[in-house]
């Protein structure tokens, strides 16, 4: 594997001077959300150079990359070069300066300046905080990843994948803590690399926020048949450590000790809001923003995993892409609809297993649950209806109807007319229902509202 630096070096950091650097727009953080925002800004100005200076400050020295592809990268299915969407020339061509290696340590709102670790000052007119998130720690550990003991790592950055691949070359046993999307992908990637892998899930089932008992059971059965060891209801008591401090496994609350050559923490994320908190911005679970992504300071926005809207935080791409559409248009002073939280869909493909989940999972009193299962084809569908409207769906195996069901869920379309066919041929039934629906509104405001929730694929094509 190529080293992360192969993705390109950061723009050179200017020599310290008594006068602060300045830019009309400064973005703290250069992950997927910040990069997508930059690409959307460029798209909205017809691929021309932006009219004002933009400076983006990243933590990693390489070009921004697609973190979603870390799982296939670990599994050896893609090359590191395929993770980037732009080159250094793209940034220069559009008047965007990248900085790294000198993190922001303080936001001075009164003077609209950033204080860097080096002591340098950086002036801004508008600031966007896109600091993302950090791993949620399963047991007491230093907040800084750099201070974690040897033998323990997360699964968030290119360097994590590089360290995992080095560990895989030595063989042995790996523990993956967390049975959600990230944990499953990490576990399968390590297994494909030849390690003996045990996955620990605190809940009684895998992907407990997206799957019901049946779908989770089918998933566990399929993964175990491939050689993955799964322990549910696994509650950690303490780390096992060697005399030099290296993590060598965990002890569970039931007394079991599980040894490992490599331990991966994939127990979720926590919004990274320390800079915002220290600056006195309003924060709760994350940085609080309104429906135009504005913080409590009118000159500062926040975006992505570090922010919350109406009490909701974000860990999936679709809502963050919708936020980007709203924020990009606002920065360019274009008409825009406000951001609205919307139902989410989760699609997972692990080792040839397809899963799709959207909407609510737990039925309330009076809700109707429709279930279809084909034991021969190993297909499973569970639909949750309320007042003849779809409010949740879980698909295992054949997930081809996932997008159509999700659209029906978001639209709130009454489904009584096709209820009998909904389980057995959902796509055909929904197409038939759509064909009899009235034509869409010509109201331009409707189209504008729709753009605020453009699916990720459409935004990718636009950029």
Protein backbone atom coordinates (compact mmCIF):
# COMPACT_ATOMS: atom_id res chain seq x y z
CA UNK A 1 0.00 0.00 0.00
CA UNK A 2 1.19 3.49 -0.76
CA UNK A 3 1.73 5.76 2.21
CA UNK A 4 -0.94 8.40 2.85
CA UNK A 5 1.48 11.08 1.62
CA UNK A 6 1.02 9.65 -1.87
CA UNK A 7 -2.30 11.46 -1.96
CA UNK A 8 -0.48 14.77 -2.24
CA UNK A 9 1.27 17.15 0.09
CA UNK A 10 -0.46 20.05 1.74
CA UNK A 11 0.10 23.52 0.39
CA UNK A 12 3.19 25.01 1.98
CA UNK A 13 2.58 26.88 5.21
CA UNK A 14 3.77 30.45 4.96
CA UNK A 15 6.61 31.72 7.13
CA UNK A 16 5.41 33.27 10.37
CA UNK A 17 4.94 37.03 10.16
CA UNK A 18 3.72 39.67 12.61
CA UNK A 19 0.63 40.29 10.49
CA UNK A 20 -2.05 37.58 10.41
CA UNK A 21 -2.90 35.68 7.28
CA UNK A 22 -6.44 36.38 6.16
CA UNK A 23 -9.16 34.91 3.98
CA UNK A 24 -12.76 35.78 3.29
CA UNK A 25 -13.81 32.21 4.07
CA UNK A 26 -11.91 29.87 6.38
CA UNK A 27 -12.88 26.24 6.99
CA UNK A 28 -11.55 24.37 10.02
CA UNK A 29 -11.39 20.70 9.07
CA UNK A 30 -10.82 19.14 5.67
CA UNK A 31 -12.69 15.88 5.72
CA UNK A 32 -15.40 14.70 3.35
CA UNK A 33 -17.92 17.38 4.36
CA UNK A 34 -15.51 20.29 3.87
CA UNK A 35 -14.28 18.94 0.54
CA UNK A 36 -17.80 18.35 -0.73
CA UNK A 37 -18.71 21.91 0.26
CA UNK A 38 -15.76 23.26 -1.74
CA UNK A 39 -16.75 21.18 -4.76
CA UNK A 40 -20.35 22.34 -4.48
CA UNK A 41 -19.27 25.99 -4.32
CA UNK A 42 -17.19 25.50 -7.47
CA UNK A 43 -20.09 23.76 -9.21
CA UNK A 44 -22.48 26.59 -8.38
CA UNK A 45 -20.13 29.16 -9.95
CA UNK A 46 -19.96 27.08 -13.15
CA UNK A 47 -16.54 25.63 -12.37
CA UNK A 48 -14.87 29.05 -12.28
CA UNK A 49 -12.44 30.42 -9.73
CA UNK A 50 -14.21 31.51 -6.55
CA UNK A 51 -14.63 35.26 -6.17
CA UNK A 52 -13.09 35.39 -2.70
CA UNK A 53 -10.09 33.71 -1.05
CA UNK A 54 -10.82 30.41 0.66
CA UNK A 55 -8.51 28.73 3.14
CA UNK A 56 -9.13 25.23 4.49
CA UNK A 57 -7.20 23.84 7.45
CA UNK A 58 -6.85 20.07 7.62
CA UNK A 59 -5.40 17.71 10.20
CA UNK A 60 -3.96 15.18 7.76
CA UNK A 61 -1.19 16.24 5.34
CA UNK A 62 -2.60 14.35 2.36
CA UNK A 63 -5.27 15.36 -0.11
CA UNK A 64 -8.83 14.92 1.21
CA UNK A 65 -10.14 11.41 0.62
CA UNK A 66 -13.32 9.35 0.75
CA UNK A 67 -13.43 7.74 4.19
CA UNK A 68 -16.24 5.45 3.07
CA UNK A 69 -13.66 3.66 0.93
CA UNK A 70 -11.43 2.81 3.91
CA UNK A 71 -13.26 -0.50 4.33
CA UNK A 72 -12.67 -1.74 0.76
CA UNK A 73 -9.14 -0.34 0.99
CA UNK A 74 -8.51 -2.46 4.08
CA UNK A 75 -10.02 -5.49 2.33
CA UNK A 76 -7.71 -4.93 -0.66
CA UNK A 77 -10.59 -4.19 -3.04
CA UNK A 78 -9.43 -0.68 -4.07
CA UNK A 79 -6.17 1.26 -4.29
CA UNK A 80 -5.38 4.29 -2.17
CA UNK A 81 -5.19 6.51 -5.26
CA UNK A 82 -8.89 5.91 -5.94
CA UNK A 83 -9.91 7.56 -2.67
CA UNK A 84 -9.30 11.14 -3.82
CA UNK A 85 -11.56 13.21 -6.05
CA UNK A 86 -9.26 16.17 -6.72
CA UNK A 87 -5.61 17.07 -7.25
CA UNK A 88 -3.43 19.89 -5.93
CA UNK A 89 -3.98 21.68 -9.23
CA UNK A 90 -7.74 21.75 -8.65
CA UNK A 91 -7.29 23.74 -5.45
CA UNK A 92 -4.88 26.21 -7.06
CA UNK A 93 -7.13 26.64 -10.08
CA UNK A 94 -10.11 27.64 -7.93
CA UNK A 95 -8.29 29.90 -5.48
CA UNK A 96 -8.41 27.52 -2.52
CA UNK A 97 -5.44 27.27 -0.17
CA UNK A 98 -4.88 24.13 1.90
CA UNK A 99 -2.99 24.18 5.18
CA UNK A 100 -2.04 21.35 7.52
CA UNK A 101 0.43 20.64 10.28
CA UNK A 102 -0.54 23.73 12.27
CA UNK A 103 -3.91 23.10 13.93
CA UNK A 104 -6.24 25.79 15.22
CA UNK A 105 -6.12 25.96 19.02
CA UNK A 106 -8.41 28.94 19.64
CA UNK A 107 -11.16 30.94 17.96
CA UNK A 108 -11.14 34.64 18.93
CA UNK A 109 -14.62 35.73 17.98
CA UNK A 110 -14.19 39.34 19.08
CA UNK A 111 -11.44 39.98 16.51
CA UNK A 112 -12.46 37.21 14.06
CA UNK A 113 -9.09 35.55 14.31
CA UNK A 114 -7.86 31.99 14.70
CA UNK A 115 -4.83 31.21 16.84
CA UNK A 116 -2.74 28.35 15.48
CA UNK A 117 -0.55 25.98 17.47
CA UNK A 118 2.52 27.77 16.11
CA UNK A 119 1.22 31.09 17.46
CA UNK A 120 0.35 32.41 14.04
CA UNK A 121 -2.90 34.34 13.70
CA UNK A 122 -5.35 33.89 10.85
CA UNK A 123 -8.11 36.43 10.19
CA UNK A 124 -11.47 35.44 8.75
CA UNK A 125 -14.65 37.16 7.63
CA UNK A 126 -16.71 33.97 7.62
CA UNK A 127 -15.77 30.77 9.40
CA UNK A 128 -17.03 27.23 8.95
CA UNK A 129 -16.33 24.61 11.59
CA UNK A 130 -16.21 21.16 9.99
CA UNK A 131 -14.15 19.32 12.57
CA UNK A 132 -16.11 16.08 12.26
CA UNK A 133 -16.03 13.62 15.10
CA UNK A 134 -13.74 11.44 17.16
CA UNK A 135 -14.18 7.81 18.19
CA UNK A 136 -16.46 7.19 21.14
CA UNK A 137 -14.29 5.44 23.69
CA UNK A 138 -15.54 2.10 25.06
CA UNK A 139 -13.40 2.42 28.20
CA UNK A 140 -11.36 5.20 29.75
CA UNK A 141 -8.70 6.40 27.31
CA UNK A 142 -7.02 9.71 26.50
CA UNK A 143 -9.17 11.85 24.20
CA UNK A 144 -6.22 12.33 21.84
CA UNK A 145 -5.72 9.43 19.45
CA UNK A 146 -1.97 10.05 19.56
CA UNK A 147 -1.97 9.20 23.27
CA UNK A 148 -3.67 5.82 22.90
CA UNK A 149 -1.58 2.83 23.99
CA UNK A 150 0.08 0.68 21.35
CA UNK A 151 -2.07 -2.23 20.23
CA UNK A 152 -5.27 -0.16 20.10
CA UNK A 153 -6.52 1.88 17.15
CA UNK A 154 -9.61 3.38 15.61
CA UNK A 155 -10.87 3.00 12.06
CA UNK A 156 -11.23 6.57 10.84
CA UNK A 157 -8.11 7.57 8.94
CA UNK A 158 -5.75 6.36 6.24
CA UNK A 159 -3.03 5.79 8.81
CA UNK A 160 -5.38 3.40 10.66
CA UNK A 161 -5.65 1.26 7.54
CA UNK A 162 -1.88 1.33 7.06
CA UNK A 163 -1.31 0.19 10.65
CA UNK A 164 -3.91 -2.54 10.29
CA UNK A 165 -2.30 -3.85 7.13
CA UNK A 166 1.09 -3.97 8.84
CA UNK A 167 -0.51 -5.89 11.72
CA UNK A 168 -2.18 -8.28 9.28
CA UNK A 169 1.18 -9.11 7.73
CA UNK A 170 2.24 -10.51 11.12
CA UNK A 171 -0.88 -12.65 11.54
CA UNK A 172 -2.55 -13.37 14.85
CA UNK A 173 -5.86 -12.46 16.45
CA UNK A 174 -7.82 -9.20 16.29
CA UNK A 175 -10.59 -7.86 18.50
CA UNK A 176 -13.07 -5.42 17.00
CA UNK A 177 -15.20 -3.60 19.56
CA UNK A 178 -18.51 -2.50 18.10
CA UNK A 179 -21.16 -4.29 16.04
CA UNK A 180 -22.41 -1.36 13.99
CA UNK A 181 -21.57 -0.41 10.41
CA UNK A 182 -17.98 0.57 11.11
CA UNK A 183 -17.20 -2.42 13.31
CA UNK A 184 -18.59 -4.94 10.84
CA UNK A 185 -16.63 -3.46 7.97
CA UNK A 186 -13.42 -3.36 10.00
CA UNK A 187 -13.90 -6.96 11.17
CA UNK A 188 -14.53 -8.28 7.67
CA UNK A 189 -11.60 -6.35 6.25
CA UNK A 190 -9.24 -7.79 8.86
CA UNK A 191 -10.63 -11.29 8.35
CA UNK A 192 -10.07 -11.03 4.60
CA UNK A 193 -6.48 -10.02 5.37
CA UNK A 194 -5.96 -13.32 7.18
CA UNK A 195 -6.45 -12.46 10.84
CA UNK A 196 -8.59 -14.49 13.21
CA UNK A 197 -11.20 -11.91 14.24
CA UNK A 198 -13.59 -11.68 17.17
CA UNK A 199 -16.24 -8.95 17.12
CA UNK A 200 -17.72 -7.71 20.40
CA UNK A 201 -21.17 -6.14 20.44
CA UNK A 202 -22.61 -4.63 23.61
CA UNK A 203 -26.20 -5.04 22.41
CA UNK A 204 -27.99 -8.35 22.03
CA UNK A 205 -27.81 -8.13 18.23
CA UNK A 206 -25.67 -6.67 15.47
CA UNK A 207 -26.61 -3.27 14.03
CA UNK A 208 -29.21 -2.92 16.76
CA UNK A 209 -30.25 0.55 15.55
CA UNK A 210 -30.95 -0.57 12.00
CA UNK A 211 -31.94 -4.26 12.09
CA UNK A 212 -34.60 -6.26 13.86
CA UNK A 213 -33.85 -9.59 15.55
CA UNK A 214 -34.45 -11.70 12.43
CA UNK A 215 -32.30 -9.66 10.04
CA UNK A 216 -29.54 -9.32 12.64
CA UNK A 217 -29.65 -13.07 13.22
CA UNK A 218 -29.34 -13.79 9.50
CA UNK A 219 -26.40 -11.40 9.29
CA UNK A 220 -24.63 -12.99 12.25
CA UNK A 221 -25.18 -16.47 10.85
CA UNK A 222 -23.74 -15.48 7.47
CA UNK A 223 -20.69 -13.77 8.97
CA UNK A 224 -19.97 -16.65 11.33
CA UNK A 225 -20.13 -19.08 8.40
CA UNK A 226 -17.28 -17.05 6.88
CA UNK A 227 -15.15 -17.47 9.98
CA UNK A 228 -15.92 -14.35 12.01
CA UNK A 229 -16.41 -14.88 15.76
CA UNK A 230 -19.23 -12.79 17.23
CA UNK A 231 -19.98 -12.20 20.92
CA UNK A 232 -23.12 -10.20 21.71
CA UNK A 233 -24.10 -8.80 25.12
CA UNK A 234 -20.36 -8.21 25.55
CA UNK A 235 -19.79 -5.58 28.23
CA UNK A 236 -16.22 -4.41 28.72
CA UNK A 237 -14.75 -4.27 32.19
CA UNK A 238 -11.14 -3.25 31.57
CA UNK A 239 -8.25 -3.33 29.14
CA UNK A 240 -5.66 -6.06 29.37
CA UNK A 241 -2.20 -4.53 29.16
CA UNK A 242 1.37 -5.76 28.98
CA UNK A 243 4.05 -4.42 31.32
CA UNK A 244 5.00 -1.80 28.72
CA UNK A 245 1.40 -0.53 28.53
CA UNK A 246 0.52 -2.17 25.23
CA UNK A 247 -3.15 -3.22 24.93
CA UNK A 248 -3.31 -7.01 24.68
CA UNK A 249 -7.07 -7.56 24.90
CA UNK A 250 -10.06 -6.95 27.14
CA UNK A 251 -11.77 -8.41 30.18
CA UNK A 252 -15.56 -8.63 30.03
CA UNK A 253 -17.84 -8.03 33.00
CA UNK A 254 -18.65 -11.76 33.08
CA UNK A 255 -14.97 -12.47 33.79
CA UNK A 256 -13.91 -13.68 30.36
CA UNK A 257 -10.55 -12.46 29.13
CA UNK A 258 -10.06 -12.10 25.38
CA UNK A 259 -6.49 -11.74 24.15
CA UNK A 260 -5.57 -10.00 20.91
CA UNK A 261 -2.58 -8.87 18.91
CA UNK A 262 -4.63 -5.96 17.61
CA UNK A 263 -7.70 -4.23 19.08
CA UNK A 264 -9.88 -1.89 17.04
CA UNK A 265 -12.34 0.50 18.71
CA UNK A 266 -15.36 1.02 16.45
CA UNK A 267 -17.95 1.95 19.05
CA UNK A 268 -19.38 5.00 17.37
CA UNK A 269 -18.47 8.66 17.24
CA UNK A 270 -18.69 11.81 19.33
CA UNK A 271 -18.91 15.26 17.71
CA UNK A 272 -15.63 17.19 17.89
CA UNK A 273 -16.79 20.52 19.32
CA UNK A 274 -13.98 21.48 21.71
CA UNK A 275 -12.96 24.60 19.73
CA UNK A 276 -16.56 25.78 19.57
CA UNK A 277 -17.14 25.18 23.27
CA UNK A 278 -13.98 27.07 24.22
CA UNK A 279 -15.10 29.95 21.98
CA UNK A 280 -18.42 30.19 23.80
CA UNK A 281 -20.59 28.99 20.94
CA UNK A 282 -23.82 27.31 21.94
CA UNK A 283 -23.27 23.55 22.19
CA UNK A 284 -25.32 20.65 23.50
CA UNK A 285 -24.67 17.19 22.06
CA UNK A 286 -22.79 18.99 19.28
CA UNK A 287 -22.43 22.54 17.97
CA UNK A 288 -25.95 23.95 17.76
CA UNK A 289 -26.88 25.40 14.37
CA UNK A 290 -30.12 26.69 12.88
CA UNK A 291 -31.75 25.52 9.65
CA UNK A 292 -29.17 27.49 7.63
CA UNK A 293 -26.24 25.94 9.53
CA UNK A 294 -25.54 29.17 11.46
CA UNK A 295 -24.13 28.91 14.97
CA UNK A 296 -24.90 31.35 17.79
CA UNK A 297 -22.30 33.65 16.16
CA UNK A 298 -23.63 35.09 12.86
CA UNK A 299 -20.15 34.94 11.31
CA UNK A 300 -19.66 31.22 12.03
CA UNK A 301 -21.32 28.16 10.53
CA UNK A 302 -20.87 24.50 11.45
CA UNK A 303 -21.31 21.51 9.18
CA UNK A 304 -21.44 17.72 9.33
CA UNK A 305 -20.70 15.41 12.23
CA UNK A 306 -19.68 18.24 14.57
CA UNK A 307 -23.07 20.01 14.47
CA UNK A 308 -26.64 19.36 15.53
CA UNK A 309 -29.93 20.62 14.08
CA UNK A 310 -33.04 20.50 16.26
CA UNK A 311 -31.29 18.09 18.61
CA UNK A 312 -30.26 15.65 15.86
CA UNK A 313 -26.61 14.77 15.22
CA UNK A 314 -25.24 13.19 12.06
CA UNK A 315 -23.10 10.19 11.18
CA UNK A 316 -24.31 9.29 7.70
CA UNK A 317 -23.61 11.01 4.41
CA UNK A 318 -27.09 11.84 3.13
CA UNK A 319 -28.06 14.50 5.70
CA UNK A 320 -24.58 16.05 5.53
CA UNK A 321 -24.83 16.28 1.73
CA UNK A 322 -28.18 18.04 2.18
CA UNK A 323 -26.57 20.47 4.62
CA UNK A 324 -23.86 21.21 2.06
CA UNK A 325 -26.44 22.15 -0.57
CA UNK A 326 -28.05 24.62 1.83
CA UNK A 327 -24.78 26.11 3.07
CA UNK A 328 -23.12 26.43 -0.35
CA UNK A 329 -26.08 28.35 -1.76
CA UNK A 330 -26.20 30.58 1.29
CA UNK A 331 -22.49 31.43 1.07
CA UNK A 332 -23.00 32.44 -2.56
CA UNK A 333 -26.14 34.41 -1.64
CA UNK A 334 -28.34 32.22 -3.81
CA UNK A 335 -31.98 31.37 -2.96
CA UNK A 336 -32.07 28.34 -0.72
CA UNK A 337 -34.56 26.35 1.28
CA UNK A 338 -33.78 25.71 4.94
CA UNK A 339 -32.26 22.42 5.98
CA UNK A 340 -34.73 19.96 7.46
CA UNK A 341 -33.97 16.70 9.25
CA UNK A 342 -35.37 13.80 7.25
CA UNK A 343 -35.62 10.00 7.55
CA UNK A 344 -32.38 8.17 6.86
CA UNK A 345 -31.52 5.00 4.99
CA UNK A 346 -28.61 2.68 5.71
CA UNK A 347 -27.19 0.31 3.14
CA UNK A 348 -24.44 -2.14 4.03
CA UNK A 349 -22.62 -4.63 1.87
CA UNK A 350 -20.26 -6.90 3.76
CA UNK A 351 -18.71 -9.99 2.23
CA UNK A 352 -21.47 -10.27 -0.36
CA UNK A 353 -24.30 -9.65 2.12
CA UNK A 354 -26.75 -6.88 1.24
CA UNK A 355 -28.74 -5.02 3.88
CA UNK A 356 -31.02 -2.01 3.70
CA UNK A 357 -32.77 -0.22 6.53
CA UNK A 358 -34.73 3.02 6.67
CA UNK A 359 -37.10 4.82 8.99
CA UNK A 360 -38.39 3.56 12.30
CA UNK A 361 -37.50 0.14 13.67
CA UNK A 362 -39.72 -0.39 16.72
CA UNK A 363 -43.50 -0.48 16.14
CA UNK A 364 -45.82 1.58 18.30
CA UNK A 365 -49.26 0.50 19.41
CA UNK A 366 -51.52 0.24 16.38
CA UNK A 367 -48.71 -0.05 13.82
CA UNK A 368 -48.82 -2.90 11.32
CA UNK A 369 -45.80 -5.14 10.69
CA UNK A 370 -45.60 -6.99 7.36
CA UNK A 371 -43.00 -9.75 7.06
CA UNK A 372 -41.79 -11.79 4.09
CA UNK A 373 -39.05 -14.43 4.27
CA UNK A 374 -37.76 -16.81 1.61
CA UNK A 375 -35.65 -19.44 3.35
CA UNK A 376 -34.40 -20.86 0.05
CA UNK A 377 -33.07 -17.56 -1.29
CA UNK A 378 -32.29 -16.23 2.20
CA UNK A 379 -34.31 -13.07 1.54
CA UNK A 380 -36.10 -11.16 4.27
CA UNK A 381 -38.34 -8.09 4.22
CA UNK A 382 -40.04 -6.37 7.13
CA UNK A 383 -42.22 -3.33 6.53
CA UNK A 384 -43.66 -1.11 9.26
CA UNK A 385 -46.89 0.72 8.42
CA UNK A 386 -48.78 3.38 10.33
CA UNK A 387 -52.18 4.47 9.03
CA UNK A 388 -51.39 2.68 5.74
CA UNK A 389 -48.20 4.70 5.28
CA UNK A 390 -44.71 3.22 5.33
CA UNK A 391 -42.66 4.42 8.31
CA UNK A 392 -39.88 1.80 8.33
CA UNK A 393 -38.32 -1.02 6.32
CA UNK A 394 -35.66 -3.67 6.84
CA UNK A 395 -34.39 -5.68 3.85
CA UNK A 396 -31.90 -8.55 3.89
CA UNK A 397 -30.57 -10.30 0.79
CA UNK A 398 -32.56 -8.80 -2.06
CA UNK A 399 -32.45 -5.05 -1.39
CA UNK A 400 -33.40 -3.91 -4.90
CA UNK A 401 -36.63 -2.35 -3.61
CA UNK A 402 -34.82 -0.30 -0.97
CA UNK A 403 -34.70 3.02 -2.80
CA UNK A 404 -38.32 2.78 -3.94
CA UNK A 405 -39.49 1.98 -0.42
CA UNK A 406 -37.43 4.85 0.98
CA UNK A 407 -39.03 7.29 -1.46
CA UNK A 408 -42.47 6.03 -0.44
CA UNK A 409 -41.51 6.49 3.21
CA UNK A 410 -40.32 10.07 2.67
CA UNK A 411 -43.35 11.06 0.61
CA UNK A 412 -45.85 9.59 3.07
CA UNK A 413 -47.81 8.05 0.20
CA UNK A 414 -50.92 6.08 1.30
CA UNK A 415 -50.31 2.42 0.43
CA UNK A 416 -53.68 0.78 1.09
CA UNK A 417 -54.25 0.34 -2.66
CA UNK A 418 -51.13 -1.83 -3.09
CA UNK A 419 -50.90 -3.35 0.36
CA UNK A 420 -51.42 -6.93 -0.86
CA UNK A 421 -48.47 -6.71 -3.30
CA UNK A 422 -46.15 -4.55 -1.23
CA UNK A 423 -44.29 -7.43 0.40
CA UNK A 424 -43.94 -9.75 -2.57
CA UNK A 425 -43.15 -7.29 -5.38
CA UNK A 426 -42.64 -3.88 -3.77
CA UNK A 427 -40.97 -2.18 -6.73
CA UNK A 428 -43.71 -3.17 -9.18
CA UNK A 429 -46.43 -2.22 -6.71
CA UNK A 430 -44.91 1.20 -6.04
CA UNK A 431 -44.39 1.85 -9.77
CA UNK A 432 -48.04 1.03 -10.38
CA UNK A 433 -49.09 3.37 -7.60
CA UNK A 434 -46.86 6.14 -8.94
CA UNK A 435 -48.35 5.78 -12.42
CA UNK A 436 -51.80 6.60 -11.04
CA UNK A 437 -50.61 9.53 -8.89
CA UNK A 438 -51.36 13.16 -9.88
CA UNK A 439 -48.56 15.03 -11.71
CA UNK A 440 -45.99 16.85 -9.57
CA UNK A 441 -46.52 20.49 -8.65
CA UNK A 442 -45.20 23.24 -10.93
CA UNK A 443 -44.55 25.41 -7.88
CA UNK A 444 -40.86 26.47 -8.14
CA UNK A 445 -40.66 26.52 -4.36
CA UNK A 446 -41.34 22.79 -4.36
CA UNK A 447 -38.34 22.18 -6.61
CA UNK A 448 -36.21 24.34 -4.35
CA UNK A 449 -37.31 22.39 -1.32
CA UNK A 450 -36.42 19.15 -3.08
CA UNK A 451 -32.84 20.28 -3.78
CA UNK A 452 -32.24 20.59 -0.06
CA UNK A 453 -32.49 16.81 0.15
CA UNK A 454 -30.85 15.72 -3.10
CA UNK A 455 -29.60 12.13 -2.68
CA UNK A 456 -25.83 11.69 -2.41
CA UNK A 457 -25.47 10.17 -5.89
CA UNK A 458 -26.99 13.24 -7.53
CA UNK A 459 -24.66 15.57 -5.69
CA UNK A 460 -21.69 13.43 -6.65
CA UNK A 461 -22.64 13.76 -10.30
CA UNK A 462 -23.12 17.52 -9.97
CA UNK A 463 -19.64 17.95 -8.53
